[in-house]
Every structure is written in C-alpha cells, then in structure tokens.
C-alpha cells in the first residue's frame, strides 16, 4: 500500500461519522487543489459533521483522523487585531 503523504496534516469534515475501532466513516478533504473523499478511521467514534485532522495515511484512500478544533478560533476577534 502506497501512503498518501499529501493528505497528512489536512483538515476535513466527516460526511459519515466514524465508529471508532468498529468501523470507518468518510471524510471530505481539500487537497491537491480540489476536494477528495477518504475512508476515515478514529480511535473513538466521531459524529457526522465533525471537523477532523488527518494524522496518518493507511494507503488505498484510507486515513486516520482525530477531532480538530482550530486553535485560532479560541482567540475570537483578537487574532484579526494582532497585525
């Protein structure tokens, strides 16, 4: 299986929620100038619509993901005023 390094570190949205170790969901990721779907595996179940970060590629259009919250969102409007 050839690993897809381009997708590692990308964020995406779960189109189908994951079921943890029981089964994958499906993620839509912006990569290579477009959007692509991958089977998404996670350690714990994640709901449809969750924002996730791709942490590993399993090859064959399968990835490992974790739930993701953009740290800049926590800053609110302060990030825009910083410059």
N, C-alpha and C. Protein backbone atom coordinates (compact mmCIF):
# COMPACT_ATOMS: atom_id res chain seq x y z
N UNK A 1 0.84 -1.18 0.00
CA UNK A 1 0.00 0.00 0.00
C UNK A 1 0.88 1.24 0.00
N UNK A 2 0.58 2.15 -0.91
CA UNK A 2 1.34 3.39 -1.00
C UNK A 2 0.66 4.44 -0.14
N UNK A 3 1.44 5.03 0.75
CA UNK A 3 0.93 6.07 1.64
C UNK A 3 0.73 7.36 0.87
N UNK A 4 -0.32 8.12 1.17
CA UNK A 4 -0.62 9.40 0.53
C UNK A 4 -0.20 10.52 1.48
N UNK A 5 1.07 10.94 1.38
CA UNK A 5 1.60 11.94 2.30
C UNK A 5 0.96 13.31 2.14
N UNK A 6 0.41 13.62 0.97
CA UNK A 6 -0.16 14.94 0.73
C UNK A 6 -1.36 15.23 1.63
N UNK A 7 -2.05 14.22 2.05
CA UNK A 7 -3.26 14.42 2.85
C UNK A 7 -2.97 14.54 4.35
N UNK A 8 -1.80 14.08 4.80
CA UNK A 8 -1.44 14.16 6.22
C UNK A 8 -1.30 15.63 6.63
N UNK A 9 -1.98 16.00 7.70
CA UNK A 9 -1.95 17.38 8.18
C UNK A 9 -3.10 18.22 7.66
N UNK A 10 -3.90 17.69 6.75
CA UNK A 10 -5.07 18.39 6.23
C UNK A 10 -6.24 18.22 7.19
N UNK A 11 -7.12 19.20 7.19
CA UNK A 11 -8.36 19.08 7.95
C UNK A 11 -9.50 18.81 6.98
N UNK A 12 -10.56 18.27 7.51
CA UNK A 12 -11.73 17.99 6.69
C UNK A 12 -12.95 17.82 7.55
N UNK A 13 -14.06 17.54 6.88
CA UNK A 13 -15.34 17.35 7.56
C UNK A 13 -15.83 15.93 7.34
N UNK A 14 -16.31 15.31 8.41
CA UNK A 14 -16.84 13.96 8.29
C UNK A 14 -18.20 13.98 7.60
N UNK A 15 -18.29 13.29 6.47
CA UNK A 15 -19.55 13.12 5.76
C UNK A 15 -20.36 11.99 6.38
N UNK A 16 -19.65 11.00 6.91
CA UNK A 16 -20.23 9.87 7.63
C UNK A 16 -19.42 9.71 8.91
N UNK A 17 -20.08 9.69 10.04
CA UNK A 17 -19.39 9.58 11.32
C UNK A 17 -18.60 8.28 11.45
N UNK A 18 -17.52 8.33 12.21
CA UNK A 18 -16.72 7.13 12.46
C UNK A 18 -17.33 6.34 13.61
N UNK A 19 -16.96 5.07 13.71
CA UNK A 19 -17.45 4.20 14.78
C UNK A 19 -16.31 3.69 15.64
N UNK A 20 -15.23 4.46 15.71
CA UNK A 20 -14.07 4.03 16.48
C UNK A 20 -13.44 2.81 15.84
N UNK A 21 -13.01 1.87 16.66
CA UNK A 21 -12.34 0.66 16.15
C UNK A 21 -13.30 -0.26 15.39
N UNK A 22 -14.60 -0.04 15.53
CA UNK A 22 -15.60 -0.90 14.90
C UNK A 22 -15.70 -0.66 13.39
N UNK A 23 -15.46 0.58 12.95
CA UNK A 23 -15.56 0.85 11.52
C UNK A 23 -15.28 2.29 11.16
N UNK A 24 -14.98 2.52 9.89
CA UNK A 24 -14.62 3.87 9.45
C UNK A 24 -15.84 4.71 9.10
N UNK A 25 -15.59 6.01 8.98
CA UNK A 25 -16.54 6.94 8.42
C UNK A 25 -15.98 7.41 7.09
N UNK A 26 -16.45 8.56 6.63
CA UNK A 26 -15.96 9.12 5.38
C UNK A 26 -15.68 10.59 5.58
N UNK A 27 -14.55 11.07 5.07
CA UNK A 27 -14.12 12.45 5.23
C UNK A 27 -13.98 13.11 3.87
N UNK A 28 -14.32 14.41 3.81
CA UNK A 28 -14.08 15.23 2.64
C UNK A 28 -12.92 16.16 2.98
N UNK A 29 -11.85 16.09 2.20
CA UNK A 29 -10.62 16.84 2.47
C UNK A 29 -10.28 17.70 1.26
N UNK A 30 -9.88 18.95 1.50
CA UNK A 30 -9.35 19.79 0.43
C UNK A 30 -7.86 19.48 0.30
N UNK A 31 -7.50 18.94 -0.85
CA UNK A 31 -6.11 18.55 -1.08
C UNK A 31 -5.84 18.59 -2.58
N UNK A 32 -4.62 18.91 -2.96
CA UNK A 32 -4.19 18.94 -4.35
C UNK A 32 -5.07 19.84 -5.23
N UNK A 33 -5.52 20.97 -4.67
CA UNK A 33 -6.31 21.92 -5.43
C UNK A 33 -7.75 21.53 -5.66
N UNK A 34 -8.23 20.53 -4.96
CA UNK A 34 -9.61 20.09 -5.10
C UNK A 34 -10.10 19.47 -3.80
N UNK A 35 -11.18 18.76 -3.88
CA UNK A 35 -11.72 18.05 -2.72
C UNK A 35 -11.78 16.56 -3.03
N UNK A 36 -11.37 15.74 -2.07
CA UNK A 36 -11.37 14.30 -2.24
C UNK A 36 -11.95 13.65 -1.00
N UNK A 37 -12.53 12.47 -1.19
CA UNK A 37 -13.06 11.72 -0.05
C UNK A 37 -12.15 10.54 0.27
N UNK A 38 -12.11 10.20 1.55
CA UNK A 38 -11.31 9.09 2.06
C UNK A 38 -12.11 8.36 3.12
N UNK A 39 -11.86 7.07 3.30
CA UNK A 39 -12.36 6.38 4.48
C UNK A 39 -11.58 6.91 5.67
N UNK A 40 -12.27 7.20 6.76
CA UNK A 40 -11.64 7.82 7.92
C UNK A 40 -11.80 6.93 9.15
N UNK A 41 -10.68 6.58 9.76
CA UNK A 41 -10.65 5.77 10.97
C UNK A 41 -10.26 6.65 12.16
N UNK A 42 -10.88 6.41 13.31
CA UNK A 42 -10.52 7.13 14.54
C UNK A 42 -10.56 6.16 15.71
N UNK A 43 -9.88 6.52 16.80
CA UNK A 43 -9.86 5.66 17.97
C UNK A 43 -11.20 5.64 18.68
N UNK A 44 -11.88 6.80 18.73
CA UNK A 44 -13.19 6.86 19.34
C UNK A 44 -14.20 7.33 18.29
N UNK A 45 -15.47 6.98 18.46
CA UNK A 45 -16.48 7.41 17.49
C UNK A 45 -16.55 8.93 17.39
N UNK A 46 -16.71 9.43 16.16
CA UNK A 46 -16.86 10.86 15.91
C UNK A 46 -18.11 11.07 15.06
N UNK A 47 -18.87 12.15 15.33
CA UNK A 47 -20.15 12.35 14.65
C UNK A 47 -20.01 12.93 13.24
N UNK A 48 -21.02 12.70 12.43
CA UNK A 48 -21.11 13.34 11.12
C UNK A 48 -21.04 14.85 11.31
N UNK A 49 -20.29 15.53 10.45
CA UNK A 49 -20.14 16.98 10.52
C UNK A 49 -18.96 17.45 11.36
N UNK A 50 -18.31 16.54 12.08
CA UNK A 50 -17.17 16.92 12.93
C UNK A 50 -15.99 17.35 12.05
N UNK A 51 -15.27 18.35 12.50
CA UNK A 51 -14.03 18.75 11.84
C UNK A 51 -12.92 17.87 12.39
N UNK A 52 -12.13 17.28 11.49
CA UNK A 52 -11.08 16.36 11.90
C UNK A 52 -9.76 16.72 11.22
N UNK A 53 -8.67 16.24 11.82
CA UNK A 53 -7.33 16.41 11.29
C UNK A 53 -6.81 15.04 10.88
N UNK A 54 -6.27 14.96 9.67
CA UNK A 54 -5.68 13.70 9.19
C UNK A 54 -4.29 13.56 9.81
N UNK A 55 -4.07 12.46 10.55
CA UNK A 55 -2.79 12.27 11.23
C UNK A 55 -1.95 11.16 10.60
N UNK A 56 -2.57 10.34 9.76
CA UNK A 56 -1.82 9.23 9.14
C UNK A 56 -2.57 8.76 7.90
N UNK A 57 -1.82 8.28 6.92
CA UNK A 57 -2.41 7.67 5.73
C UNK A 57 -2.19 6.17 5.81
N UNK A 58 -3.25 5.42 5.56
CA UNK A 58 -3.16 3.96 5.53
C UNK A 58 -2.97 3.44 4.11
N UNK A 59 -2.94 4.35 3.12
CA UNK A 59 -2.92 3.94 1.73
C UNK A 59 -4.31 3.54 1.29
N UNK A 60 -4.48 3.28 0.01
CA UNK A 60 -5.78 2.84 -0.54
C UNK A 60 -6.92 3.76 -0.14
N UNK A 61 -6.65 5.08 -0.08
CA UNK A 61 -7.67 6.10 0.22
C UNK A 61 -8.28 5.92 1.61
N UNK A 62 -7.46 5.50 2.57
CA UNK A 62 -7.87 5.38 3.96
C UNK A 62 -6.92 6.18 4.83
N UNK A 63 -7.49 6.91 5.82
CA UNK A 63 -6.68 7.75 6.70
C UNK A 63 -7.11 7.57 8.15
N UNK A 64 -6.22 7.94 9.07
CA UNK A 64 -6.53 8.01 10.49
C UNK A 64 -6.75 9.48 10.83
N UNK A 65 -7.78 9.75 11.63
CA UNK A 65 -8.13 11.13 11.97
C UNK A 65 -8.33 11.29 13.47
N UNK A 66 -8.23 12.54 13.93
CA UNK A 66 -8.59 12.93 15.29
C UNK A 66 -9.50 14.14 15.19
N UNK A 67 -10.34 14.33 16.21
CA UNK A 67 -11.19 15.52 16.23
C UNK A 67 -10.31 16.76 16.29
N UNK A 68 -10.71 17.83 15.61
CA UNK A 68 -9.88 19.02 15.49
C UNK A 68 -10.69 20.27 15.77
N UNK A 69 -10.13 21.14 16.58
CA UNK A 69 -10.67 22.48 16.79
C UNK A 69 -9.55 23.45 16.48
N UNK A 70 -9.77 24.36 15.57
CA UNK A 70 -8.74 25.32 15.18
C UNK A 70 -8.38 26.19 16.38
N UNK A 71 -7.11 26.21 16.81
CA UNK A 71 -6.74 26.99 17.99
C UNK A 71 -6.95 28.49 17.79
N UNK A 72 -6.97 28.96 16.56
CA UNK A 72 -7.20 30.38 16.32
C UNK A 72 -8.65 30.77 16.58
N UNK A 73 -9.56 29.81 16.50
CA UNK A 73 -10.97 30.09 16.80
C UNK A 73 -11.14 30.49 18.26
N UNK A 74 -10.30 29.96 19.14
CA UNK A 74 -10.38 30.27 20.57
C UNK A 74 -10.01 31.73 20.85
N UNK A 75 -9.25 32.34 19.94
CA UNK A 75 -8.85 33.72 20.13
C UNK A 75 -9.97 34.70 19.76
N UNK A 76 -10.96 34.24 19.06
CA UNK A 76 -12.07 35.10 18.65
C UNK A 76 -11.58 36.20 17.72
N UNK A 77 -11.99 37.41 17.94
CA UNK A 77 -11.61 38.56 17.10
C UNK A 77 -10.22 39.06 17.37
N UNK A 78 -9.56 38.60 18.45
CA UNK A 78 -8.23 39.11 18.80
C UNK A 78 -7.19 38.81 17.73
N UNK A 79 -7.32 37.69 17.02
CA UNK A 79 -6.32 37.32 16.02
C UNK A 79 -6.31 38.32 14.86
N UNK A 80 -7.46 38.85 14.48
CA UNK A 80 -7.53 39.81 13.39
C UNK A 80 -6.93 41.15 13.79
N UNK A 81 -7.00 41.48 15.07
CA UNK A 81 -6.48 42.77 15.54
C UNK A 81 -4.99 42.72 15.84
N UNK A 82 -4.37 41.54 15.78
CA UNK A 82 -2.97 41.38 16.17
C UNK A 82 -2.02 42.06 15.21
N UNK A 83 -2.38 42.26 13.96
CA UNK A 83 -1.47 42.78 12.95
C UNK A 83 -1.61 44.21 12.77
